[in-house]
């Protein structure tokens, strides 16, 4: 139970509409809905129900409002008596972060677009793994995160953003680099170099487990904590690397790596925008979230511009894996 949840509930009661309440609060509708569900769960009662016109309070909801309203009124009176001191004139800072793939092209491209309109705002970009990102957002150390996993932290909202393509790649001197098309049997001869973070097995591990369930088993040659370590290992011919395509596309175009094609595996994941469910975003945060929502069906091109998502070609007989990992 939080004071913000009381405010959300009072706004719903005032407007009889989730949409109007979210506009007044400047909070996304899914966030308002989630906080109201948590409030109902904490007190074990149904506070409101939907009808043809919008939302109406239950009998328990009306009783709850009669107890909450005086609390909110007292809070408002305290704010009038003890107004916040005038803020010192200092630069506004927007703090966002992402896991390794979104931080490569997507977030820098959007930050550059944001800066063109808001030159006075200092943008801070963080690149961390999934558990660290969730902790930073939950602790309000950054406002918005972009992750390749749905959030596990109960305080966070995770909005689906876009599909993420993973690829298998090797060094130019690797035996498979000479083949224009490779088979699954070719891949199974050589060890894989994969991402692995202690106590937080991620997308690649989930993928390999699903493939094993389908009878396709690979040898793991090396586990690395970051995709950049994977690329260094692949350069030394330690095996076949698996990373998100954005991380190697440019280097592959320059000939530093060879992306393997023809194996029939469609390796697609889903990325998510993370933010606190119970805390309003700053004005800068709201605008940056709007930019992210604007590319929900898009993907960054190699030059950093944002375009529409590529539709994967139909590959009859291919093993198609689309998942949203919770690992």
Protein backbone atom coordinates (compact mmCIF):
# COMPACT_ATOMS: atom_id res chain seq x y z
CA UNK A 1 0.00 0.00 0.00
CA UNK A 2 1.37 3.43 -0.96
CA UNK A 3 0.12 7.00 -0.99
CA UNK A 4 0.42 6.97 -4.78
CA UNK A 5 -2.00 4.04 -4.93
CA UNK A 6 -4.50 6.08 -2.88
CA UNK A 7 -4.07 8.93 -5.38
CA UNK A 8 -4.62 6.58 -8.32
CA UNK A 9 -7.77 5.16 -6.73
CA UNK A 10 -9.16 8.64 -5.99
CA UNK A 11 -8.54 9.70 -9.61
CA UNK A 12 -10.41 6.63 -10.88
CA UNK A 13 -13.31 7.42 -8.57
CA UNK A 14 -13.31 11.05 -9.74
CA UNK A 15 -13.35 10.33 -13.47
CA UNK A 16 -14.96 6.89 -13.68
CA UNK A 17 -12.43 6.14 -16.42
CA UNK A 18 -8.97 4.59 -16.48
CA UNK A 19 -8.06 6.64 -19.55
CA UNK A 20 -9.01 10.00 -18.01
CA UNK A 21 -7.36 9.13 -14.71
CA UNK A 22 -4.08 8.15 -16.42
CA UNK A 23 -4.12 11.45 -18.35
CA UNK A 24 -4.58 13.48 -15.17
CA UNK A 25 -1.83 11.55 -13.38
CA UNK A 26 0.46 11.48 -16.43
CA UNK A 27 0.93 7.77 -15.88
CA UNK A 28 0.33 5.05 -18.48
CA UNK A 29 -3.00 3.24 -18.25
CA UNK A 30 -1.35 -0.20 -17.68
CA UNK A 31 0.56 1.28 -14.72
CA UNK A 32 -2.62 2.65 -13.14
CA UNK A 33 -4.39 -0.68 -13.65
CA UNK A 34 -1.52 -2.61 -12.11
CA UNK A 35 -1.36 -0.41 -9.01
CA UNK A 36 -5.11 -0.70 -8.47
CA UNK A 37 -4.86 -4.49 -8.72
CA UNK A 38 -2.08 -4.42 -6.10
CA UNK A 39 -4.25 -2.22 -3.86
CA UNK A 40 -7.15 -4.67 -4.14
CA UNK A 41 -4.82 -7.57 -3.45
CA UNK A 42 -3.37 -5.91 -0.34
CA UNK A 43 -6.83 -5.31 1.16
CA UNK A 44 -8.52 -8.42 -0.21
CA UNK A 45 -11.56 -6.60 -1.62
CA UNK A 46 -12.93 -5.63 -5.03
CA UNK A 47 -12.87 -1.84 -5.13
CA UNK A 48 -14.29 -1.17 -8.60
CA UNK A 49 -15.84 -2.86 -11.61
CA UNK A 50 -16.22 -2.06 -15.28
CA UNK A 51 -19.56 -1.19 -16.81
CA UNK A 52 -20.74 -0.01 -20.20
CA UNK A 53 -19.89 3.63 -19.44
CA UNK A 54 -16.49 3.09 -17.83
CA UNK A 55 -15.74 2.22 -14.20
CA UNK A 56 -17.87 2.34 -11.06
CA UNK A 57 -16.94 1.78 -7.44
CA UNK A 58 -18.24 -1.21 -5.55
CA UNK A 59 -19.81 -0.78 -2.12
CA UNK A 60 -16.41 -1.63 -0.61
CA UNK A 61 -14.84 0.89 -3.00
CA UNK A 62 -17.13 3.69 -1.85
CA UNK A 63 -16.32 2.90 1.79
CA UNK A 64 -12.62 2.80 0.96
CA UNK A 65 -12.84 6.18 -0.80
CA UNK A 66 -14.54 7.73 2.24
CA UNK A 67 -11.51 6.74 4.32
CA UNK A 68 -8.88 7.63 1.72
CA UNK A 69 -10.24 11.09 0.79
CA UNK A 70 -9.49 12.69 4.20
CA UNK A 71 -5.92 11.31 4.07
CA UNK A 72 -5.30 12.84 0.66
CA UNK A 73 -6.86 16.12 1.82
CA UNK A 74 -4.50 16.24 4.81
CA UNK A 75 -1.52 15.52 2.56
CA UNK A 76 -2.55 18.44 0.32
CA UNK A 77 -2.86 20.73 3.35
CA UNK A 78 0.61 19.73 4.55
CA UNK A 79 2.02 20.55 1.12
CA UNK A 80 0.46 24.02 1.28
CA UNK A 81 1.85 24.66 4.76
CA UNK A 82 5.29 23.30 3.91
CA UNK A 83 5.85 24.08 0.24
CA UNK A 84 8.91 22.64 -1.40
CA UNK A 85 11.82 25.09 -1.61
CA UNK A 86 12.43 26.58 -5.00
CA UNK A 87 14.67 24.28 -6.98
CA UNK A 88 18.15 25.53 -7.72
CA UNK A 89 18.81 26.26 -11.33
CA UNK A 90 20.74 23.26 -12.53
CA UNK A 91 20.77 21.08 -15.59
CA UNK A 92 17.96 18.57 -16.01
CA UNK A 93 19.19 15.00 -16.38
CA UNK A 94 17.41 12.07 -18.01
CA UNK A 95 18.75 8.69 -16.92
CA UNK A 96 17.95 5.68 -19.09
CA UNK A 97 19.58 2.30 -19.47
CA UNK A 98 19.49 -0.90 -21.41
CA UNK A 99 20.89 -4.36 -21.73
CA UNK A 100 23.70 -4.79 -24.23
CA UNK A 101 21.69 -5.08 -27.44
CA UNK A 102 19.35 -2.05 -27.01
CA UNK A 103 22.32 0.01 -25.83
CA UNK A 104 24.22 -0.57 -29.06
CA UNK A 105 22.07 1.34 -31.56
CA UNK A 106 18.52 1.90 -30.37
CA UNK A 107 19.08 3.96 -27.22
CA UNK A 108 21.93 6.12 -28.61
CA UNK A 109 19.86 6.86 -31.74
CA UNK A 110 16.80 7.86 -29.69
CA UNK A 111 18.93 9.86 -27.26
CA UNK A 112 20.39 11.82 -30.18
CA UNK A 113 16.89 12.50 -31.52
CA UNK A 114 15.76 13.57 -28.04
CA UNK A 115 18.74 15.94 -27.65
CA UNK A 116 17.88 17.77 -30.87
CA UNK A 117 14.68 18.99 -29.21
CA UNK A 118 16.00 19.27 -25.65
CA UNK A 119 19.56 20.53 -25.79
CA UNK A 120 19.37 21.63 -22.13
CA UNK A 121 18.70 18.09 -20.90
CA UNK A 122 21.73 15.96 -20.06
CA UNK A 123 21.14 12.32 -21.06
CA UNK A 124 22.86 9.55 -19.14
CA UNK A 125 22.94 6.10 -20.78
CA UNK A 126 23.75 2.97 -18.77
CA UNK A 127 24.60 -0.47 -20.19
CA UNK A 128 24.18 -3.38 -17.76
CA UNK A 129 22.87 -6.93 -17.62
CA UNK A 130 19.21 -7.82 -16.99
CA UNK A 131 19.23 -8.16 -13.17
CA UNK A 132 21.27 -4.97 -12.76
CA UNK A 133 18.94 -3.05 -15.07
CA UNK A 134 15.84 -4.07 -13.12
CA UNK A 135 17.49 -3.07 -9.85
CA UNK A 136 18.51 0.34 -11.22
CA UNK A 137 14.96 1.07 -12.41
CA UNK A 138 13.37 -0.27 -9.23
CA UNK A 139 15.68 1.89 -7.10
CA UNK A 140 14.93 4.98 -9.26
CA UNK A 141 18.60 5.26 -10.24
CA UNK A 142 17.39 5.38 -13.84
CA UNK A 143 13.89 6.26 -15.04
CA UNK A 144 13.50 3.98 -18.04
CA UNK A 145 15.16 0.75 -19.05
CA UNK A 146 15.06 -1.36 -22.20
CA UNK A 147 15.55 -5.06 -21.59
CA UNK A 148 15.49 -8.27 -23.61
CA UNK A 149 13.51 -9.87 -20.77
CA UNK A 150 10.12 -9.11 -19.22
CA UNK A 151 10.54 -7.70 -15.70
CA UNK A 152 10.54 -10.00 -12.69
CA UNK A 153 10.60 -7.19 -10.12
CA UNK A 154 7.05 -6.55 -8.80
CA UNK A 155 7.49 -2.77 -8.82
CA UNK A 156 8.15 -2.61 -12.57
CA UNK A 157 5.94 -2.38 -15.63
CA UNK A 158 7.20 -4.06 -18.81
CA UNK A 159 5.75 -2.78 -22.08
CA UNK A 160 6.50 -4.97 -25.14
CA UNK A 161 8.77 -3.00 -27.47
CA UNK A 162 10.02 -4.90 -30.53
CA UNK A 163 11.24 -8.25 -31.78
CA UNK A 164 14.96 -8.91 -31.46
CA UNK A 165 16.82 -11.07 -33.99
CA UNK A 166 19.70 -13.26 -32.82
CA UNK A 167 22.33 -14.71 -35.17
CA UNK A 168 25.11 -17.27 -35.23
CA UNK A 169 28.47 -15.91 -36.38
CA UNK A 170 32.09 -16.94 -36.80
CA UNK A 171 35.45 -15.39 -37.62
CA UNK A 172 36.46 -15.13 -41.31
CA UNK A 173 39.07 -17.88 -40.76
CA UNK A 174 36.60 -20.37 -39.27
CA UNK A 175 35.88 -23.47 -41.44
CA UNK A 176 32.17 -22.55 -41.66
CA UNK A 177 32.97 -19.06 -42.96
CA UNK A 178 33.72 -20.56 -46.39
CA UNK A 179 30.19 -21.94 -46.71
CA UNK A 180 27.44 -19.72 -48.10
CA UNK A 181 24.82 -21.88 -46.37
CA UNK A 182 25.28 -24.08 -43.32
CA UNK A 183 23.17 -26.91 -41.95
CA UNK A 184 22.22 -27.82 -38.41
CA UNK A 185 24.63 -30.73 -38.69
CA UNK A 186 27.43 -28.27 -39.54
CA UNK A 187 26.65 -26.19 -36.45
CA UNK A 188 26.65 -29.19 -34.13
CA UNK A 189 30.27 -30.02 -35.01
CA UNK A 190 31.66 -26.86 -33.41
CA UNK A 191 31.30 -25.51 -29.85
CA UNK A 192 29.19 -22.45 -29.12
CA UNK A 193 30.26 -19.28 -27.33
CA UNK A 194 27.26 -17.94 -25.41
CA UNK A 195 26.23 -15.23 -22.96
CA UNK A 196 25.87 -16.34 -19.38
CA UNK A 197 25.54 -14.23 -16.22
CA UNK A 198 25.86 -15.94 -12.84
CA UNK A 199 22.47 -16.63 -11.23
CA UNK A 200 20.70 -15.07 -14.23
CA UNK A 201 20.67 -17.50 -17.20
CA UNK A 202 19.15 -15.59 -20.05
CA UNK A 203 17.80 -15.66 -23.55
CA UNK A 204 20.52 -17.83 -25.09
CA UNK A 205 20.28 -20.48 -22.38
CA UNK A 206 16.51 -20.58 -22.76
CA UNK A 207 16.92 -20.93 -26.52
CA UNK A 208 19.38 -23.80 -26.24
CA UNK A 209 17.12 -25.59 -23.76
CA UNK A 210 14.17 -25.30 -26.14
CA UNK A 211 16.28 -26.60 -29.03
CA UNK A 212 17.43 -29.54 -26.87
CA UNK A 213 13.77 -30.37 -26.17
CA UNK A 214 13.31 -30.55 -29.96
CA UNK A 215 16.25 -32.93 -30.28
CA UNK A 216 18.76 -30.32 -31.48
CA UNK A 217 21.74 -30.33 -29.11
CA UNK A 218 24.83 -28.13 -29.24
CA UNK A 219 28.16 -28.21 -27.45
CA UNK A 220 28.91 -25.24 -25.20
CA UNK A 221 32.56 -24.29 -25.52
CA UNK A 222 32.62 -21.01 -23.59
CA UNK A 223 30.30 -18.90 -21.45
CA UNK A 224 30.86 -15.14 -21.26
CA UNK A 225 29.28 -12.40 -19.16
CA UNK A 226 28.94 -9.94 -22.06
CA UNK A 227 28.45 -10.13 -25.83
CA UNK A 228 31.64 -8.12 -26.28
CA UNK A 229 33.58 -10.96 -24.66
CA UNK A 230 31.82 -13.35 -27.03
CA UNK A 231 33.00 -11.35 -30.02
CA UNK A 232 36.59 -11.37 -28.78
CA UNK A 233 36.44 -15.14 -28.25
CA UNK A 234 34.98 -15.70 -31.73
CA UNK A 235 37.76 -13.61 -33.27
CA UNK A 236 40.19 -16.13 -31.77
CA UNK A 237 38.20 -19.05 -33.25
CA UNK A 238 36.93 -20.27 -29.88
CA UNK A 239 33.69 -21.36 -31.57
CA UNK A 240 30.39 -20.13 -33.00
CA UNK A 241 29.01 -17.06 -31.27
CA UNK A 242 25.36 -16.27 -30.57
CA UNK A 243 24.40 -12.63 -30.07
CA UNK A 244 21.70 -10.19 -31.13
CA UNK A 245 22.20 -9.22 -34.76
CA UNK A 246 22.56 -5.50 -34.04
CA UNK A 247 25.77 -6.24 -32.13
CA UNK A 248 27.61 -7.79 -35.11
CA UNK A 249 25.81 -6.53 -38.22
CA UNK A 250 28.17 -3.64 -38.91
CA UNK A 251 31.31 -5.72 -38.30
CA UNK A 252 29.94 -8.48 -40.51
CA UNK A 253 29.38 -5.95 -43.31
CA UNK A 254 33.04 -4.91 -42.95
CA UNK A 255 34.21 -8.52 -43.08
CA UNK A 256 35.32 -8.89 -39.45
CA UNK A 257 32.73 -11.65 -38.89
CA UNK A 258 30.65 -14.00 -41.01
CA UNK A 259 26.97 -14.40 -40.06
CA UNK A 260 25.89 -17.98 -40.73
CA UNK A 261 22.82 -18.45 -42.91
CA UNK A 262 20.82 -21.42 -44.13
CA UNK A 263 20.58 -23.40 -40.90
CA UNK A 264 16.82 -22.87 -40.71
CA UNK A 265 16.72 -21.46 -37.18
CA UNK A 266 14.64 -18.32 -36.70
CA UNK A 267 15.95 -16.91 -33.45
CA UNK A 268 13.56 -14.20 -32.32
CA UNK A 269 13.14 -12.68 -28.88
CA UNK A 270 11.06 -9.80 -27.50
CA UNK A 271 12.38 -6.65 -25.83
CA UNK A 272 10.57 -4.61 -23.18
CA UNK A 273 10.48 -1.04 -21.86
CA UNK A 274 10.76 -0.99 -18.05
CA UNK A 275 9.72 1.75 -15.61
CA UNK A 276 8.32 2.07 -12.12
CA UNK A 277 4.61 1.36 -11.88
CA UNK A 278 4.01 3.58 -8.86
CA UNK A 279 6.07 6.65 -9.72
CA UNK A 280 5.28 9.32 -12.32
CA UNK A 281 7.93 9.84 -14.97
CA UNK A 282 9.55 13.23 -15.29
CA UNK A 283 8.56 15.38 -18.23
CA UNK A 284 11.74 14.32 -20.03
CA UNK A 285 11.07 10.69 -19.15
CA UNK A 286 7.55 10.89 -20.57
CA UNK A 287 8.85 12.24 -23.85
CA UNK A 288 11.58 9.60 -24.11
CA UNK A 289 9.00 6.90 -23.40
CA UNK A 290 6.95 8.36 -26.25
CA UNK A 291 9.94 7.96 -28.59
CA UNK A 292 10.30 4.33 -27.55
CA UNK A 293 6.60 3.66 -28.11
CA UNK A 294 6.94 5.26 -31.53
CA UNK A 295 9.37 2.52 -32.61
CA UNK A 296 7.47 -0.33 -30.98
CA UNK A 297 7.10 -2.05 -34.35
CA UNK A 298 10.47 -0.89 -35.63
CA UNK A 299 14.11 -1.79 -35.46
CA UNK A 300 17.32 0.26 -35.75
CA UNK A 301 19.15 0.13 -39.02
CA UNK A 302 22.91 -0.05 -39.21
CA UNK A 303 23.17 3.73 -39.59
CA UNK A 304 21.23 4.28 -36.36
CA UNK A 305 17.99 5.39 -38.01
CA UNK A 306 14.78 3.77 -36.93
CA UNK A 307 12.73 1.89 -39.50
CA UNK A 308 9.91 -0.62 -39.55
CA UNK A 309 10.58 -4.15 -38.44
CA UNK A 310 11.73 -6.52 -41.13
CA UNK A 311 9.24 -9.28 -41.75
CA UNK A 312 11.09 -12.61 -41.58
CA UNK A 313 10.90 -14.61 -44.78
CA UNK A 314 8.78 -17.73 -44.65
CA UNK A 315 11.06 -20.74 -44.33
CA UNK A 316 8.99 -23.90 -44.62
CA UNK A 317 10.48 -26.66 -42.53
CA UNK A 318 12.58 -24.26 -40.48
CA UNK A 319 12.65 -24.48 -36.72
CA UNK A 320 11.02 -21.23 -35.65
CA UNK A 321 11.52 -20.15 -32.06
CA UNK A 322 9.78 -17.03 -30.79
CA UNK A 323 9.80 -16.57 -27.08
CA UNK A 324 9.72 -14.09 -24.22
CA UNK A 325 12.21 -15.44 -21.73
CA UNK A 326 11.53 -15.03 -18.01
CA UNK A 327 14.89 -16.43 -17.04
